[in-house]
Amino acid sequence: MCFNHKGKEMKKKPNALQRERFKYFSELASELEREGKYLQASDAWDKALKFATNPLNQKWCESRYEFCEKRA
């Protein structure tokens, strides 16, 4: 957690590396899904989730992870 000079919690802005990693793992997961490699895709969605900063992306990663786990 980050705090400002008054001790209030600040939302940390995602850095370029974090965005890059999210993009990499989400694209990899999508490709693996299309190839029918659901176990590997679920692992990639789980990794993408760790780098997702936006609640919508987080929810998407969770739902794709669950889908792939069921198909694996």
N, C-alpha and C. Protein backbone atom coordinates (compact mmCIF):
# COMPACT_ATOMS: atom_id res chain seq x y z
N MET A 1 0.83 -1.19 0.00
CA MET A 1 0.00 0.00 0.00
C MET A 1 0.87 1.24 0.00
N CYS A 2 0.36 2.28 -0.61
CA CYS A 2 1.06 3.56 -0.64
C CYS A 2 0.23 4.57 0.14
N PHE A 3 0.92 5.46 0.84
CA PHE A 3 0.24 6.48 1.62
C PHE A 3 0.80 7.85 1.25
N ASN A 4 -0.07 8.86 1.29
CA ASN A 4 0.41 10.21 1.00
C ASN A 4 0.98 10.82 2.28
N HIS A 5 1.39 12.08 2.20
CA HIS A 5 2.03 12.73 3.34
C HIS A 5 1.09 12.91 4.53
N LYS A 6 -0.22 12.79 4.32
CA LYS A 6 -1.19 12.90 5.41
C LYS A 6 -1.58 11.53 5.97
N GLY A 7 -0.97 10.48 5.46
CA GLY A 7 -1.25 9.14 5.95
C GLY A 7 -2.45 8.48 5.30
N LYS A 8 -3.01 9.12 4.27
CA LYS A 8 -4.15 8.52 3.58
C LYS A 8 -3.64 7.56 2.51
N GLU A 9 -4.39 6.45 2.36
CA GLU A 9 -4.00 5.46 1.35
C GLU A 9 -4.19 6.04 -0.04
N MET A 10 -3.20 5.81 -0.89
CA MET A 10 -3.26 6.27 -2.28
C MET A 10 -3.36 5.05 -3.18
N LYS A 11 -4.10 5.20 -4.26
CA LYS A 11 -4.15 4.13 -5.24
C LYS A 11 -2.88 4.22 -6.07
N LYS A 12 -2.19 3.10 -6.17
CA LYS A 12 -0.95 3.07 -6.93
C LYS A 12 -1.28 2.93 -8.41
N LYS A 13 -0.73 3.79 -9.22
CA LYS A 13 -0.95 3.76 -10.66
C LYS A 13 -0.14 2.61 -11.26
N PRO A 14 -0.78 1.81 -12.12
CA PRO A 14 -0.03 0.70 -12.71
C PRO A 14 1.12 1.21 -13.58
N ASN A 15 2.25 0.55 -13.48
CA ASN A 15 3.38 0.97 -14.30
C ASN A 15 3.36 0.24 -15.64
N ALA A 16 4.23 0.65 -16.52
CA ALA A 16 4.27 0.11 -17.87
C ALA A 16 4.57 -1.39 -17.87
N LEU A 17 5.45 -1.83 -16.99
CA LEU A 17 5.81 -3.25 -16.93
C LEU A 17 4.60 -4.09 -16.52
N GLN A 18 3.84 -3.60 -15.56
CA GLN A 18 2.65 -4.32 -15.12
C GLN A 18 1.63 -4.44 -16.26
N ARG A 19 1.42 -3.36 -16.98
CA ARG A 19 0.49 -3.38 -18.12
C ARG A 19 0.99 -4.33 -19.21
N GLU A 20 2.29 -4.30 -19.44
CA GLU A 20 2.91 -5.16 -20.45
C GLU A 20 2.74 -6.63 -20.10
N ARG A 21 2.93 -6.96 -18.83
CA ARG A 21 2.79 -8.35 -18.38
C ARG A 21 1.33 -8.81 -18.48
N PHE A 22 0.40 -7.92 -18.11
CA PHE A 22 -1.02 -8.28 -18.25
C PHE A 22 -1.34 -8.58 -19.70
N LYS A 23 -0.90 -7.72 -20.59
CA LYS A 23 -1.17 -7.90 -22.02
C LYS A 23 -0.56 -9.21 -22.52
N TYR A 24 0.67 -9.48 -22.14
CA TYR A 24 1.35 -10.70 -22.58
C TYR A 24 0.58 -11.95 -22.13
N PHE A 25 0.28 -12.03 -20.82
CA PHE A 25 -0.36 -13.23 -20.30
C PHE A 25 -1.81 -13.38 -20.77
N SER A 26 -2.53 -12.29 -20.94
CA SER A 26 -3.91 -12.40 -21.42
C SER A 26 -3.94 -12.83 -22.89
N GLU A 27 -3.02 -12.33 -23.69
CA GLU A 27 -2.94 -12.75 -25.10
C GLU A 27 -2.51 -14.21 -25.21
N LEU A 28 -1.55 -14.61 -24.38
CA LEU A 28 -1.11 -16.00 -24.36
C LEU A 28 -2.26 -16.92 -23.96
N ALA A 29 -2.99 -16.54 -22.93
CA ALA A 29 -4.12 -17.35 -22.46
C ALA A 29 -5.17 -17.50 -23.56
N SER A 30 -5.47 -16.42 -24.25
CA SER A 30 -6.45 -16.47 -25.34
C SER A 30 -6.01 -17.43 -26.44
N GLU A 31 -4.74 -17.35 -26.79
CA GLU A 31 -4.20 -18.22 -27.84
C GLU A 31 -4.26 -19.69 -27.41
N LEU A 32 -3.88 -19.96 -26.18
CA LEU A 32 -3.92 -21.34 -25.67
C LEU A 32 -5.35 -21.88 -25.64
N GLU A 33 -6.29 -21.02 -25.27
CA GLU A 33 -7.71 -21.42 -25.29
C GLU A 33 -8.14 -21.82 -26.69
N ARG A 34 -7.81 -20.98 -27.67
CA ARG A 34 -8.19 -21.27 -29.05
C ARG A 34 -7.60 -22.59 -29.54
N GLU A 35 -6.43 -22.94 -29.01
CA GLU A 35 -5.77 -24.19 -29.39
C GLU A 35 -6.29 -25.39 -28.60
N GLY A 36 -7.21 -25.12 -27.66
CA GLY A 36 -7.77 -26.21 -26.85
C GLY A 36 -6.86 -26.65 -25.71
N LYS A 37 -5.86 -25.86 -25.39
CA LYS A 37 -4.92 -26.18 -24.30
C LYS A 37 -5.41 -25.50 -23.02
N TYR A 38 -6.48 -26.08 -22.47
CA TYR A 38 -7.18 -25.41 -21.37
C TYR A 38 -6.40 -25.37 -20.06
N LEU A 39 -5.63 -26.39 -19.77
CA LEU A 39 -4.85 -26.38 -18.53
C LEU A 39 -3.80 -25.26 -18.56
N GLN A 40 -3.08 -25.16 -19.68
CA GLN A 40 -2.08 -24.10 -19.81
C GLN A 40 -2.76 -22.72 -19.87
N ALA A 41 -3.92 -22.67 -20.50
CA ALA A 41 -4.65 -21.40 -20.59
C ALA A 41 -5.09 -20.94 -19.20
N SER A 42 -5.54 -21.87 -18.37
CA SER A 42 -5.97 -21.48 -17.02
C SER A 42 -4.79 -20.92 -16.23
N ASP A 43 -3.61 -21.51 -16.40
CA ASP A 43 -2.41 -20.97 -15.73
C ASP A 43 -2.09 -19.56 -16.22
N ALA A 44 -2.21 -19.35 -17.52
CA ALA A 44 -1.93 -18.02 -18.09
C ALA A 44 -2.97 -17.00 -17.63
N TRP A 45 -4.26 -17.39 -17.54
CA TRP A 45 -5.28 -16.46 -17.04
C TRP A 45 -5.00 -16.10 -15.58
N ASP A 46 -4.54 -17.08 -14.80
CA ASP A 46 -4.21 -16.82 -13.40
C ASP A 46 -3.07 -15.81 -13.30
N LYS A 47 -2.08 -15.94 -14.15
CA LYS A 47 -0.96 -14.99 -14.16
C LYS A 47 -1.42 -13.61 -14.63
N ALA A 48 -2.27 -13.58 -15.65
CA ALA A 48 -2.80 -12.30 -16.14
C ALA A 48 -3.57 -11.59 -15.02
N LEU A 49 -4.32 -12.36 -14.24
CA LEU A 49 -5.09 -11.79 -13.13
C LEU A 49 -4.19 -11.06 -12.14
N LYS A 50 -3.02 -11.60 -11.90
CA LYS A 50 -2.09 -10.98 -10.95
C LYS A 50 -1.62 -9.59 -11.41
N PHE A 51 -1.67 -9.35 -12.71
CA PHE A 51 -1.23 -8.06 -13.25
C PHE A 51 -2.38 -7.15 -13.69
N ALA A 52 -3.61 -7.65 -13.60
CA ALA A 52 -4.78 -6.85 -13.98
C ALA A 52 -5.05 -5.80 -12.90
N THR A 53 -5.19 -4.55 -13.31
CA THR A 53 -5.42 -3.47 -12.35
C THR A 53 -6.85 -2.96 -12.42
N ASN A 54 -7.51 -3.21 -13.50
CA ASN A 54 -8.86 -2.73 -13.73
C ASN A 54 -9.85 -3.82 -13.28
N PRO A 55 -10.87 -3.48 -12.49
CA PRO A 55 -11.82 -4.48 -11.99
C PRO A 55 -12.49 -5.30 -13.11
N LEU A 56 -12.75 -4.67 -14.24
CA LEU A 56 -13.36 -5.39 -15.35
C LEU A 56 -12.41 -6.46 -15.90
N ASN A 57 -11.14 -6.12 -16.04
CA ASN A 57 -10.14 -7.09 -16.50
C ASN A 57 -9.96 -8.20 -15.47
N GLN A 58 -9.99 -7.85 -14.19
CA GLN A 58 -9.86 -8.85 -13.14
C GLN A 58 -10.99 -9.86 -13.21
N LYS A 59 -12.22 -9.35 -13.36
CA LYS A 59 -13.39 -10.23 -13.45
C LYS A 59 -13.29 -11.13 -14.69
N TRP A 60 -12.86 -10.56 -15.81
CA TRP A 60 -12.71 -11.34 -17.04
C TRP A 60 -11.69 -12.46 -16.85
N CYS A 61 -10.56 -12.15 -16.27
CA CYS A 61 -9.53 -13.17 -16.03
C CYS A 61 -10.06 -14.27 -15.12
N GLU A 62 -10.78 -13.89 -14.08
CA GLU A 62 -11.34 -14.89 -13.17
C GLU A 62 -12.32 -15.81 -13.90
N SER A 63 -13.19 -15.23 -14.71
CA SER A 63 -14.19 -16.05 -15.39
C SER A 63 -13.55 -16.96 -16.44
N ARG A 64 -12.55 -16.46 -17.16
CA ARG A 64 -11.86 -17.30 -18.15
C ARG A 64 -11.06 -18.40 -17.45
N TYR A 65 -10.45 -18.07 -16.31
CA TYR A 65 -9.71 -19.06 -15.53
C TYR A 65 -10.65 -20.21 -15.12
N GLU A 66 -11.81 -19.85 -14.57
CA GLU A 66 -12.78 -20.86 -14.13
C GLU A 66 -13.26 -21.71 -15.30
N PHE A 67 -13.54 -21.06 -16.43
CA PHE A 67 -13.98 -21.79 -17.62
C PHE A 67 -12.93 -22.81 -18.04
N CYS A 68 -11.68 -22.38 -18.11
CA CYS A 68 -10.60 -23.27 -18.56
C CYS A 68 -10.35 -24.40 -17.57
N GLU A 69 -10.47 -24.10 -16.28
CA GLU A 69 -10.30 -25.14 -15.27
C GLU A 69 -11.34 -26.24 -15.45
N LYS A 70 -12.57 -25.86 -15.76
CA LYS A 70 -13.64 -26.84 -15.97
C LYS A 70 -13.41 -27.67 -17.23
N ARG A 71 -12.84 -27.06 -18.24
CA ARG A 71 -12.61 -27.74 -19.52
C ARG A 71 -11.36 -28.63 -19.49
N ALA A 72 -10.44 -28.32 -18.59
CA ALA A 72 -9.15 -29.06 -18.54
C ALA A 72 -9.35 -30.51 -18.09
